Amino acid sequence: MPPPFRSIAVVGAGAVGSFFGAMLARVGHPVTLIGRAPHVQAVEGRGLALHMAGRVETIRVAASTELAAARSADLVLFCVKSTDTEAVARQLAPLLGADALVLSLQNGVDNAATIARHVRQAVVPTVVYVATAMPEPGTVTHHGRGDLVIGPLDAAQAADVRHRQRLQDVVDLFATAQVPVRISPDVMAELWSKLMVNCAYNAISGLAQMPYGQMAALPAIVEVQRAVVREVVAVAQAEGQHLPLDAALEAMASIARAMPAQLSSTAQDMARGKPSEIDHLNGFVVRRGAELGVATPVNQTLHALVRLVEAGRGHDT
């Protein structure tokens, strides 16, 4: 039998996409990174420098600035910022073959459904647990973890035997690259748990420009984080998601232990003067809370403060 995935495209190859693309490429899988020109030019010129486990490895991998490079892919790692999901999904739709599989490796809980509104191919919600950074074009630094959780988007996917096999194919593919992938029967609940962690860390790390370990060392900040978690859990439960409070608080605390040196993606965006995904993190919780009648004052404050900083830099959309 031919391999289930003969061509892999990483759409939105920033730190996360480039890391997982590099892990697959380094063991021989055909990967194309699709990203911004400086990164693509650096990768084309000298390869992708992967800093991991105290070593630097140069990964030779194809790269392009053109979304059309995804045309022949039968597996797409969709890694664009949440703010760009709709536009990129619309552009990607006519390029994909009928049997292509699209994995949404993004923050937030609504990206997979947004992609699925525009593409007819199967879209897989994916929870990403990895600490990475891109200190310069052509370089990815790995700080911790590097595993994925996938699962069916809806009841129809859950009941589809062929789709279940394709999820297993994804597990098997990444296993060849030493990337653990777990199939969850309730991946949306896991995405809500990841959203909760992002809401507790991203804005504070961004505003203070501090890594998770330093945040955890200050009890007053931990109390703010716990208040964020309580609000996200209340919104999730009002939404009908299973997200127990005690487990959520422990999951939040464990992230600082697992990734003490990590600066949040929001912090990295703010340091570069780039617009962040805050509207899809704390901002999403605020909007859903308002719709469901759940108060979210701490999330609202953090969202507003990040937006204030961004407005001062011209990101006032």
C-alpha atoms as a PDB file:
ATOM      1  CA  MET A   1       0.000   0.000   0.000  1.00  0.00           C
ATOM      2  CA  PRO A   2       1.195   3.552  -0.695  1.00  0.00           C
ATOM      3  CA  PRO A   3       1.861   5.719   2.357  1.00  0.00           C
ATOM      4  CA  PRO A   4      -1.293   7.559   3.477  1.00  0.00           C
ATOM      5  CA  PHE A   5       0.420  10.960   3.243  1.00  0.00           C
ATOM      6  CA  ARG A   6       2.749  11.535   0.306  1.00  0.00           C
ATOM      7  CA  SER A   7       2.934  15.330   0.532  1.00  0.00           C
ATOM      8  CA  ILE A   8       2.662  17.531   3.619  1.00  0.00           C
ATOM      9  CA  ALA A   9       2.182  21.307   3.565  1.00  0.00           C
ATOM     10  CA  VAL A  10       2.601  23.565   6.587  1.00  0.00           C
ATOM     11  CA  VAL A  11       0.410  26.617   5.997  1.00  0.00           C
ATOM     12  CA  GLY A  12       1.519  29.494   8.201  1.00  0.00           C
ATOM     13  CA  ALA A  13       4.987  28.180   9.048  1.00  0.00           C
ATOM     14  CA  GLY A  14       5.870  30.175  12.144  1.00  0.00           C
ATOM     15  CA  ALA A  15       7.497  28.688  15.223  1.00  0.00           C
ATOM     16  CA  VAL A  16       4.907  25.938  15.804  1.00  0.00           C
ATOM     17  CA  GLY A  17       4.413  24.951  12.176  1.00  0.00           C
ATOM     18  CA  SER A  18       8.120  25.010  11.418  1.00  0.00           C
ATOM     19  CA  PHE A  19       8.862  22.833  14.449  1.00  0.00           C
ATOM     20  CA  PHE A  20       6.422  20.082  13.502  1.00  0.00           C
ATOM     21  CA  GLY A  21       7.346  20.412   9.826  1.00  0.00           C
ATOM     22  CA  ALA A  22      11.017  20.051  10.760  1.00  0.00           C
ATOM     23  CA  MET A  23      10.352  16.986  12.897  1.00  0.00           C
ATOM     24  CA  LEU A  24       8.638  15.285   9.946  1.00  0.00           C
ATOM     25  CA  ALA A  25      11.188  16.450   7.367  1.00  0.00           C
ATOM     26  CA  ARG A  26      14.190  15.315   9.407  1.00  0.00           C
ATOM     27  CA  VAL A  27      13.042  11.683   9.103  1.00  0.00           C
ATOM     28  CA  GLY A  28      12.425  11.933   5.388  1.00  0.00           C
ATOM     29  CA  HIS A  29       8.794  12.946   4.974  1.00  0.00           C
ATOM     30  CA  PRO A  30       8.132  15.353   2.059  1.00  0.00           C
ATOM     31  CA  VAL A  31       7.266  18.650   3.739  1.00  0.00           C
ATOM     32  CA  THR A  32       6.816  22.150   2.328  1.00  0.00           C
ATOM     33  CA  LEU A  33       6.831  25.125   4.703  1.00  0.00           C
ATOM     34  CA  ILE A  34       4.627  27.982   3.502  1.00  0.00           C
ATOM     35  CA  GLY A  35       5.404  31.202   5.311  1.00  0.00           C
ATOM     36  CA  ARG A  36       6.703  34.741   5.191  1.00  0.00           C
ATOM     37  CA  ALA A  37       9.456  35.730   2.793  1.00  0.00           C
ATOM     38  CA  PRO A  38      12.340  36.285   5.288  1.00  0.00           C
ATOM     39  CA  HIS A  39      11.786  32.850   6.847  1.00  0.00           C
ATOM     40  CA  VAL A  40      11.370  31.123   3.495  1.00  0.00           C
ATOM     41  CA  GLN A  41      14.486  32.763   2.077  1.00  0.00           C
ATOM     42  CA  ALA A  42      16.543  31.727   5.106  1.00  0.00           C
ATOM     43  CA  VAL A  43      15.297  28.122   4.920  1.00  0.00           C
ATOM     44  CA  GLU A  44      15.952  27.942   1.193  1.00  0.00           C
ATOM     45  CA  GLY A  45      19.419  29.423   1.628  1.00  0.00           C
ATOM     46  CA  ARG A  46      20.821  27.523   4.584  1.00  0.00           C
ATOM     47  CA  GLY A  47      18.126  25.107   5.755  1.00  0.00           C
ATOM     48  CA  LEU A  48      16.038  25.305   8.914  1.00  0.00           C
ATOM     49  CA  ALA A  49      18.130  25.473  12.086  1.00  0.00           C
ATOM     50  CA  LEU A  50      16.384  23.430  14.794  1.00  0.00           C
ATOM     51  CA  HIS A  51      17.683  24.118  18.317  1.00  0.00           C
ATOM     52  CA  MET A  52      16.573  21.206  20.497  1.00  0.00           C
ATOM     53  CA  ALA A  53      17.913  19.216  23.448  1.00  0.00           C
ATOM     54  CA  GLY A  54      21.127  21.228  23.548  1.00  0.00           C
ATOM     55  CA  ARG A  55      21.968  20.583  19.891  1.00  0.00           C
ATOM     56  CA  VAL A  56      21.507  22.462  16.625  1.00  0.00           C
ATOM     57  CA  GLU A  57      20.403  20.438  13.629  1.00  0.00           C
ATOM     58  CA  THR A  58      20.072  21.799  10.103  1.00  0.00           C
ATOM     59  CA  ILE A  59      16.965  20.459   8.392  1.00  0.00           C
ATOM     60  CA  ARG A  60      16.725  20.648   4.628  1.00  0.00           C
ATOM     61  CA  VAL A  61      13.080  21.262   3.814  1.00  0.00           C
ATOM     62  CA  ALA A  62      11.175  22.821   0.912  1.00  0.00           C
ATOM     63  CA  ALA A  63       9.753  26.300   1.523  1.00  0.00           C
ATOM     64  CA  SER A  64       7.534  28.748  -0.348  1.00  0.00           C
ATOM     65  CA  THR A  65       5.792  32.053   0.171  1.00  0.00           C
ATOM     66  CA  GLU A  66       2.935  30.967  -2.106  1.00  0.00           C
ATOM     67  CA  LEU A  67      -0.179  29.225  -0.793  1.00  0.00           C
ATOM     68  CA  ALA A  68      -0.337  27.461  -4.167  1.00  0.00           C
ATOM     69  CA  ALA A  69       2.520  25.257  -2.904  1.00  0.00           C
ATOM     70  CA  ALA A  70      -0.152  23.389  -0.899  1.00  0.00           C
ATOM     71  CA  ARG A  71      -1.891  22.272  -4.095  1.00  0.00           C
ATOM     72  CA  SER A  72      -0.582  18.700  -4.145  1.00  0.00           C
ATOM     73  CA  ALA A  73      -0.620  18.153  -0.374  1.00  0.00           C
ATOM     74  CA  ASP A  74      -2.717  15.364   1.062  1.00  0.00           C
ATOM     75  CA  LEU A  75      -1.992  16.528   4.630  1.00  0.00           C
ATOM     76  CA  VAL A  76      -2.116  20.211   5.588  1.00  0.00           C
ATOM     77  CA  LEU A  77      -0.887  21.498   8.951  1.00  0.00           C
ATOM     78  CA  PHE A  78      -2.932  24.702   9.209  1.00  0.00           C
ATOM     79  CA  CYS A  79      -0.930  26.943  11.557  1.00  0.00           C
ATOM     80  CA  VAL A  80      -1.937  30.517  10.687  1.00  0.00           C
ATOM     81  CA  LYS A  81      -2.903  33.013  13.358  1.00  0.00           C
ATOM     82  CA  SER A  82      -6.558  32.819  14.354  1.00  0.00           C
ATOM     83  CA  THR A  83      -7.103  36.313  12.968  1.00  0.00           C
ATOM     84  CA  ASP A  84      -6.237  34.980   9.477  1.00  0.00           C
ATOM     85  CA  THR A  85      -8.137  31.680   9.609  1.00  0.00           C
ATOM     86  CA  GLU A  86     -11.139  32.682   7.548  1.00  0.00           C
ATOM     87  CA  ALA A  87      -9.217  34.430   4.781  1.00  0.00           C
ATOM     88  CA  VAL A  88      -6.608  31.677   4.398  1.00  0.00           C
ATOM     89  CA  ALA A  89      -9.207  28.889   4.521  1.00  0.00           C
ATOM     90  CA  ARG A  90     -11.100  30.588   1.713  1.00  0.00           C
ATOM     91  CA  GLN A  91      -7.919  30.867  -0.390  1.00  0.00           C
ATOM     92  CA  LEU A  92      -6.903  27.283   0.374  1.00  0.00           C
ATOM     93  CA  ALA A  93     -10.247  25.688  -0.491  1.00  0.00           C
ATOM     94  CA  PRO A  94      -9.860  25.528  -4.298  1.00  0.00           C
ATOM     95  CA  LEU A  95      -6.278  24.210  -4.037  1.00  0.00           C
ATOM     96  CA  LEU A  96      -6.934  21.032  -2.087  1.00  0.00           C
ATOM     97  CA  GLY A  97      -7.508  17.573  -3.480  1.00  0.00           C
ATOM     98  CA  ALA A  98     -10.713  15.777  -2.526  1.00  0.00           C
ATOM     99  CA  ASP A  99      -8.983  13.466  -0.033  1.00  0.00           C
ATOM    100  CA  ALA A 100      -6.736  16.037   1.644  1.00  0.00           C
ATOM    101  CA  LEU A 101      -6.822  16.147   5.435  1.00  0.00           C
ATOM    102  CA  VAL A 102      -6.510  19.504   7.214  1.00  0.00           C
ATOM    103  CA  LEU A 103      -5.195  19.661  10.795  1.00  0.00           C
ATOM    104  CA  SER A 104      -5.907  22.927  12.617  1.00  0.00           C
ATOM    105  CA  LEU A 105      -2.845  23.428  14.862  1.00  0.00           C
ATOM    106  CA  GLN A 106      -4.093  26.727  16.279  1.00  0.00           C
ATOM    107  CA  ASN A 107      -4.971  28.446  19.512  1.00  0.00           C
ATOM    108  CA  GLY A 108      -8.629  28.993  20.345  1.00  0.00           C
ATOM    109  CA  VAL A 109     -11.625  26.682  20.096  1.00  0.00           C
ATOM    110  CA  ASP A 110     -13.418  27.806  16.950  1.00  0.00           C
ATOM    111  CA  ASN A 111     -10.762  27.603  14.215  1.00  0.00           C
ATOM    112  CA  ALA A 112     -11.513  24.092  12.949  1.00  0.00           C
ATOM    113  CA  ALA A 113     -15.200  24.935  12.535  1.00  0.00           C
ATOM    114  CA  THR A 114     -14.245  28.154  10.726  1.00  0.00           C
ATOM    115  CA  ILE A 115     -11.989  26.255   8.303  1.00  0.00           C
ATOM    116  CA  ALA A 116     -14.685  23.621   7.766  1.00  0.00           C
ATOM    117  CA  ARG A 117     -17.117  26.306   6.619  1.00  0.00           C
ATOM    118  CA  HIS A 118     -14.845  27.000   3.654  1.00  0.00           C
ATOM    119  CA  VAL A 119     -13.204  23.697   2.717  1.00  0.00           C
ATOM    120  CA  ARG A 120     -15.053  20.516   1.785  1.00  0.00           C
ATOM    121  CA  GLN A 121     -12.237  18.260   2.991  1.00  0.00           C
ATOM    122  CA  ALA A 122     -12.127  16.804   6.512  1.00  0.00           C
ATOM    123  CA  VAL A 123     -10.827  19.245   9.138  1.00  0.00           C
ATOM    124  CA  VAL A 124      -9.286  17.893  12.352  1.00  0.00           C
ATOM    125  CA  PRO A 125      -9.207  19.982  15.556  1.00  0.00           C
ATOM    126  CA  THR A 126      -5.719  19.639  17.025  1.00  0.00           C
ATOM    127  CA  VAL A 127      -4.504  20.610  20.480  1.00  0.00           C
ATOM    128  CA  VAL A 128      -0.841  21.622  20.406  1.00  0.00           C
ATOM    129  CA  TYR A 129       1.414  21.266  23.426  1.00  0.00           C
ATOM    130  CA  VAL A 130       4.834  22.630  22.560  1.00  0.00           C
ATOM    131  CA  ALA A 131       7.048  25.483  23.704  1.00  0.00           C
ATOM    132  CA  THR A 132       8.807  26.984  20.708  1.00  0.00           C
ATOM    133  CA  ALA A 133      10.167  30.291  19.502  1.00  0.00           C
ATOM    134  CA  MET A 134      11.538  31.693  16.276  1.00  0.00           C
ATOM    135  CA  PRO A 135      14.356  34.039  17.358  1.00  0.00           C
ATOM    136  CA  GLU A 136      15.186  34.867  13.731  1.00  0.00           C
ATOM    137  CA  PRO A 137      14.101  33.758  10.251  1.00  0.00           C
ATOM    138  CA  GLY A 138      15.225  30.228   9.488  1.00  0.00           C
ATOM    139  CA  THR A 139      15.664  29.284  13.157  1.00  0.00           C
ATOM    140  CA  VAL A 140      13.304  27.453  15.523  1.00  0.00           C
ATOM    141  CA  THR A 141      14.089  26.893  19.198  1.00  0.00           C
ATOM    142  CA  HIS A 142      12.368  24.110  21.113  1.00  0.00           C
ATOM    143  CA  HIS A 143      11.828  24.785  24.846  1.00  0.00           C
ATOM    144  CA  GLY A 144       9.596  21.903  25.898  1.00  0.00           C
ATOM    145  CA  ARG A 145       7.046  19.203  25.121  1.00  0.00           C
ATOM    146  CA  GLY A 146       6.026  18.632  21.501  1.00  0.00           C
ATOM    147  CA  ASP A 147       2.887  16.529  21.439  1.00  0.00           C
ATOM    148  CA  LEU A 148      -0.539  16.761  19.804  1.00  0.00           C
ATOM    149  CA  VAL A 149      -4.096  15.709  20.598  1.00  0.00           C
ATOM    150  CA  ILE A 150      -6.514  15.146  17.705  1.00  0.00           C
ATOM    151  CA  GLY A 151     -10.107  14.003  17.424  1.00  0.00           C
ATOM    152  CA  PRO A 152     -13.340  14.249  15.453  1.00  0.00           C
ATOM    153  CA  LEU A 153     -14.804  17.705  14.848  1.00  0.00           C
ATOM    154  CA  ASP A 154     -18.398  16.543  15.139  1.00  0.00           C
ATOM    155  CA  ALA A 155     -20.653  13.511  15.535  1.00  0.00           C
ATOM    156  CA  ALA A 156     -20.525  12.718  11.820  1.00  0.00           C
ATOM    157  CA  GLN A 157     -16.731  12.438  11.887  1.00  0.00           C
ATOM    158  CA  ALA A 158     -16.891  10.422  15.092  1.00  0.00           C
ATOM    159  CA  ALA A 159     -19.187   7.883  13.438  1.00  0.00           C
ATOM    160  CA  ASP A 160     -17.146   7.641  10.218  1.00  0.00           C
ATOM    161  CA  VAL A 161     -14.990   4.496  10.230  1.00  0.00           C
ATOM    162  CA  ARG A 162     -12.775   5.783   7.414  1.00  0.00           C
ATOM    163  CA  HIS A 163     -12.184   9.051   9.261  1.00  0.00           C
ATOM    164  CA  ARG A 164     -11.151   7.148  12.381  1.00  0.00           C
ATOM    165  CA  GLN A 165      -8.595   5.277  10.268  1.00  0.00           C
ATOM    166  CA  ARG A 166      -7.267   8.562   8.883  1.00  0.00           C
ATOM    167  CA  LEU A 167      -6.789   9.865  12.418  1.00  0.00           C
ATOM    168  CA  GLN A 168      -4.813   6.717  13.171  1.00  0.00           C
ATOM    169  CA  ASP A 169      -2.750   7.368  10.029  1.00  0.00           C
ATOM    170  CA  VAL A 170      -1.857  10.785  11.492  1.00  0.00           C
ATOM    171  CA  VAL A 171      -0.793   9.132  14.755  1.00  0.00           C
ATOM    172  CA  ASP A 172       1.373   6.650  12.846  1.00  0.00           C
ATOM    173  CA  LEU A 173       2.926   9.367  10.664  1.00  0.00           C
ATOM    174  CA  PHE A 174       4.013  11.508  13.593  1.00  0.00           C
ATOM    175  CA  ALA A 175       5.200   8.450  15.531  1.00  0.00           C
ATOM    176  CA  THR A 176       7.886   7.962  12.870  1.00  0.00           C
ATOM    177  CA  ALA A 177       9.148  11.433  13.847  1.00  0.00           C
ATOM    178  CA  GLN A 178       8.999  10.776  17.611  1.00  0.00           C
ATOM    179  CA  VAL A 179       6.067  13.179  17.969  1.00  0.00           C
ATOM    180  CA  PRO A 180       3.409  11.697  20.279  1.00  0.00           C
ATOM    181  CA  VAL A 181      -0.155  12.131  18.999  1.00  0.00           C
ATOM    182  CA  ARG A 182      -3.182  11.024  20.997  1.00  0.00           C
ATOM    183  CA  ILE A 183      -6.706  10.568  19.644  1.00  0.00           C
ATOM    184  CA  SER A 184      -9.327  12.000  22.004  1.00  0.00           C
ATOM    185  CA  PRO A 185     -13.047  11.201  21.821  1.00  0.00           C
ATOM    186  CA  ASP A 186     -13.734  14.738  23.084  1.00  0.00           C
ATOM    187  CA  VAL A 187     -11.096  16.927  21.497  1.00  0.00           C
ATOM    188  CA  MET A 188     -13.258  20.047  21.869  1.00  0.00           C
ATOM    189  CA  ALA A 189     -13.115  19.729  25.667  1.00  0.00           C
ATOM    190  CA  GLU A 190      -9.332  19.452  25.356  1.00  0.00           C
ATOM    191  CA  LEU A 191      -9.270  22.578  23.182  1.00  0.00           C
ATOM    192  CA  TRP A 192     -11.229  24.414  25.883  1.00  0.00           C
ATOM    193  CA  SER A 193      -8.644  23.234  28.426  1.00  0.00           C
ATOM    194  CA  LYS A 194      -5.846  24.581  26.212  1.00  0.00           C
ATOM    195  CA  LEU A 195      -7.784  27.851  25.782  1.00  0.00           C
ATOM    196  CA  MET A 196      -8.016  28.081  29.560  1.00  0.00           C
ATOM    197  CA  VAL A 197      -4.229  27.708  29.871  1.00  0.00           C
ATOM    198  CA  ASN A 198      -3.631  30.279  27.128  1.00  0.00           C
ATOM    199  CA  CYS A 199      -5.960  32.759  28.826  1.00  0.00           C
ATOM    200  CA  ALA A 200      -4.135  32.283  32.124  1.00  0.00           C
ATOM    201  CA  TYR A 201      -0.649  32.803  30.672  1.00  0.00           C
ATOM    202  CA  ASN A 202      -0.576  34.599  27.346  1.00  0.00           C
ATOM    203  CA  ALA A 203      -1.725  38.112  28.197  1.00  0.00           C
ATOM    204  CA  ILE A 204       0.218  38.344  31.478  1.00  0.00           C
ATOM    205  CA  SER A 205       3.385  37.000  29.865  1.00  0.00           C
ATOM    206  CA  GLY A 206       2.886  39.487  27.028  1.00  0.00           C
ATOM    207  CA  LEU A 207       2.243  42.534  29.212  1.00  0.00           C
ATOM    208  CA  ALA A 208       5.168  41.746  31.539  1.00  0.00           C
ATOM    209  CA  GLN A 209       7.406  40.172  28.870  1.00  0.00           C
ATOM    210  CA  MET A 210       8.209  37.431  31.353  1.00  0.00           C
ATOM    211  CA  PRO A 211       8.371  33.630  31.038  1.00  0.00           C
ATOM    212  CA  TYR A 212       6.005  31.269  32.811  1.00  0.00           C
ATOM    213  CA  GLY A 213       8.398  30.302  35.605  1.00  0.00           C
ATOM    214  CA  GLN A 214       8.798  33.917  36.763  1.00  0.00           C
ATOM    215  CA  MET A 215       5.035  34.402  36.690  1.00  0.00           C
ATOM    216  CA  ALA A 216       4.517  31.317  38.853  1.00  0.00           C
ATOM    217  CA  ALA A 217       7.029  32.626  41.415  1.00  0.00           C
ATOM    218  CA  LEU A 218       4.773  35.590  42.302  1.00  0.00           C
ATOM    219  CA  PRO A 219       1.729  34.520  44.377  1.00  0.00           C
ATOM    220  CA  ALA A 220      -0.285  37.592  43.398  1.00  0.00           C
ATOM    221  CA  ILE A 221       0.063  36.684  39.706  1.00  0.00           C
ATOM    222  CA  VAL A 222      -0.921  33.073  40.398  1.00  0.00           C
ATOM    223  CA  GLU A 223      -4.078  34.372  42.078  1.00  0.00           C
ATOM    224  CA  VAL A 224      -4.908  36.396  38.959  1.00  0.00           C
ATOM    225  CA  GLN A 225      -4.334  33.286  36.842  1.00  0.00           C
ATOM    226  CA  ARG A 226      -6.616  31.229  39.081  1.00  0.00           C
ATOM    227  CA  ALA A 227      -9.331  33.865  38.695  1.00  0.00           C
ATOM    228  CA  VAL A 228      -8.932  33.654  34.902  1.00  0.00           C
ATOM    229  CA  VAL A 229      -9.285  29.876  35.072  1.00  0.00           C
ATOM    230  CA  ARG A 230     -12.461  30.084  37.161  1.00  0.00           C
ATOM    231  CA  GLU A 231     -14.013  32.413  34.579  1.00  0.00           C
ATOM    232  CA  VAL A 232     -13.038  30.238  31.596  1.00  0.00           C
ATOM    233  CA  VAL A 233     -14.379  27.121  33.326  1.00  0.00           C
ATOM    234  CA  ALA A 234     -17.680  28.900  34.024  1.00  0.00           C
ATOM    235  CA  VAL A 235     -18.012  29.887  30.350  1.00  0.00           C
ATOM    236  CA  ALA A 236     -17.038  26.397  29.163  1.00  0.00           C
ATOM    237  CA  GLN A 237     -19.590  24.775  31.451  1.00  0.00           C
ATOM    238  CA  ALA A 238     -22.277  27.195  30.273  1.00  0.00           C
ATOM    239  CA  GLU A 239     -21.338  26.135  26.745  1.00  0.00           C
ATOM    240  CA  GLY A 240     -21.902  22.498  27.703  1.00  0.00           C
ATOM    241  CA  GLN A 241     -18.226  21.510  27.818  1.00  0.00           C
ATOM    242  CA  HIS A 242     -16.867  19.151  30.468  1.00  0.00           C
ATOM    243  CA  LEU A 243     -14.105  21.155  32.159  1.00  0.00           C
ATOM    244  CA  PRO A 244     -13.833  20.417  35.912  1.00  0.00           C
ATOM    245  CA  LEU A 245     -12.433  23.314  37.954  1.00  0.00           C
ATOM    246  CA  ASP A 246      -9.936  21.373  40.092  1.00  0.00           C
ATOM    247  CA  ALA A 247      -8.407  19.659  37.062  1.00  0.00           C
ATOM    248  CA  ALA A 248      -8.270  22.988  35.224  1.00  0.00           C
ATOM    249  CA  LEU A 249      -6.435  24.700  38.080  1.00  0.00           C
ATOM    250  CA  GLU A 250      -3.905  21.850  38.251  1.00  0.00           C
ATOM    251  CA  ALA A 251      -3.418  21.897  34.458  1.00  0.00           C
ATOM    252  CA  MET A 252      -2.745  25.636  34.636  1.00  0.00           C
ATOM    253  CA  ALA A 253      -0.187  25.240  37.431  1.00  0.00           C
ATOM    254  CA  SER A 254       1.576  22.354  35.676  1.00  0.00           C
ATOM    255  CA  ILE A 255       2.360  24.415  32.568  1.00  0.00           C
ATOM    256  CA  ALA A 256       4.769  26.687  34.467  1.00  0.00           C
ATOM    257  CA  ARG A 257       6.551  23.604  35.813  1.00  0.00           C
ATOM    258  CA  ALA A 258       6.791  22.026  32.358  1.00  0.00           C
ATOM    259  CA  MET A 259       7.761  25.192  30.458  1.00  0.00           C
ATOM    260  CA  PRO A 260       9.394  27.644  32.921  1.00  0.00           C
ATOM    261  CA  ALA A 261      11.469  29.407  30.243  1.00  0.00           C
ATOM    262  CA  GLN A 262       8.619  29.871  27.781  1.00  0.00           C
ATOM    263  CA  LEU A 263       7.407  33.307  26.713  1.00  0.00           C
ATOM    264  CA  SER A 264       3.845  33.098  25.433  1.00  0.00           C
ATOM    265  CA  SER A 265       3.093  33.505  21.739  1.00  0.00           C
ATOM    266  CA  THR A 266       1.307  36.731  22.695  1.00  0.00           C
ATOM    267  CA  ALA A 267       4.503  37.951  24.396  1.00  0.00           C
ATOM    268  CA  GLN A 268       6.517  37.083  21.290  1.00  0.00           C
ATOM    269  CA  ASP A 269       4.048  38.943  19.058  1.00  0.00           C
ATOM    270  CA  MET A 270       4.027  41.995  21.338  1.00  0.00           C
ATOM    271  CA  ALA A 271       7.829  42.070  21.506  1.00  0.00           C
ATOM    272  CA  ARG A 272       7.947  42.193  17.713  1.00  0.00           C
ATOM    273  CA  GLY A 273       5.173  44.783  17.468  1.00  0.00           C
ATOM    274  CA  LYS A 274       2.931  42.270  15.671  1.00  0.00           C
ATOM    275  CA  PRO A 275      -0.815  41.959  16.299  1.00  0.00           C
ATOM    276  CA  SER A 276      -1.555  39.101  18.698  1.00  0.00           C
ATOM    277  CA  GLU A 277      -4.346  36.523  18.855  1.00  0.00           C
ATOM    278  CA  ILE A 278      -5.731  38.020  22.070  1.00  0.00           C
ATOM    279  CA  ASP A 279      -9.194  38.536  20.522  1.00  0.00           C
ATOM    280  CA  HIS A 280      -9.400  34.754  20.058  1.00  0.00           C
ATOM    281  CA  LEU A 281      -8.147  33.967  23.568  1.00  0.00           C
ATOM    282  CA  ASN A 282      -9.294  36.170  26.481  1.00  0.00           C
ATOM    283  CA  GLY A 283     -11.380  38.197  24.037  1.00  0.00           C
ATOM    284  CA  PHE A 284     -13.245  35.078  22.897  1.00  0.00           C
ATOM    285  CA  VAL A 285     -14.013  34.165  26.520  1.00  0.00           C
ATOM    286  CA  VAL A 286     -15.345  37.680  27.141  1.00  0.00           C
ATOM    287  CA  ARG A 287     -17.611  37.511  24.058  1.00  0.00           C
ATOM    288  CA  ARG A 288     -18.940  34.024  24.810  1.00  0.00           C
ATOM    289  CA  GLY A 289     -19.389  34.948  28.459  1.00  0.00           C
ATOM    290  CA  ALA A 290     -21.493  37.952  27.483  1.00  0.00           C
ATOM    291  CA  GLU A 291     -23.606  35.780  25.161  1.00  0.00           C
ATOM    292  CA  LEU A 292     -24.093  33.118  27.844  1.00  0.00           C
ATOM    293  CA  GLY A 293     -24.624  35.499  30.762  1.00  0.00           C
ATOM    294  CA  VAL A 294     -21.328  34.639  32.523  1.00  0.00           C
ATOM    295  CA  ALA A 295     -19.271  37.500  34.002  1.00  0.00           C
ATOM    296  CA  THR A 296     -15.588  37.533  32.960  1.00  0.00           C
ATOM    297  CA  PRO A 297     -14.065  40.702  34.499  1.00  0.00           C
ATOM    298  CA  VAL A 298     -10.479  39.385  34.819  1.00  0.00           C
ATOM    299  CA  ASN A 299     -10.370  38.137  31.231  1.00  0.00           C
ATOM    300  CA  GLN A 300     -11.933  41.426  30.148  1.00  0.00           C
ATOM    301  CA  THR A 301      -9.225  43.407  31.946  1.00  0.00           C
ATOM    302  CA  LEU A 302      -6.351  41.384  30.461  1.00  0.00           C
ATOM    303  CA  HIS A 303      -7.870  41.564  26.979  1.00  0.00           C
ATOM    304  CA  ALA A 304      -8.347  45.330  27.264  1.00  0.00           C
ATOM    305  CA  LEU A 305      -4.777  45.909  28.490  1.00  0.00           C
ATOM    306  CA  VAL A 306      -3.223  43.946  25.619  1.00  0.00           C
ATOM    307  CA  ARG A 307      -5.453  45.778  23.143  1.00  0.00           C
ATOM    308  CA  LEU A 308      -4.347  49.100  24.701  1.00  0.00           C
ATOM    309  CA  VAL A 309      -0.688  48.243  24.119  1.00  0.00           C
ATOM    310  CA  GLU A 310      -1.475  47.139  20.561  1.00  0.00           C
ATOM    311  CA  ALA A 311      -3.482  50.301  19.869  1.00  0.00           C
ATOM    312  CA  GLY A 312      -0.492  52.360  20.975  1.00  0.00           C
ATOM    313  CA  ARG A 313       1.526  50.567  18.292  1.00  0.00           C
ATOM    314  CA  GLY A 314      -1.061  51.042  15.585  1.00  0.00           C
ATOM    315  CA  HIS A 315      -2.861  47.666  15.882  1.00  0.00           C
ATOM    316  CA  ASP A 316      -6.226  49.250  16.553  1.00  0.00           C
ATOM    317  CA  THR A 317      -8.425  47.112  14.335  1.00  0.00           C
END
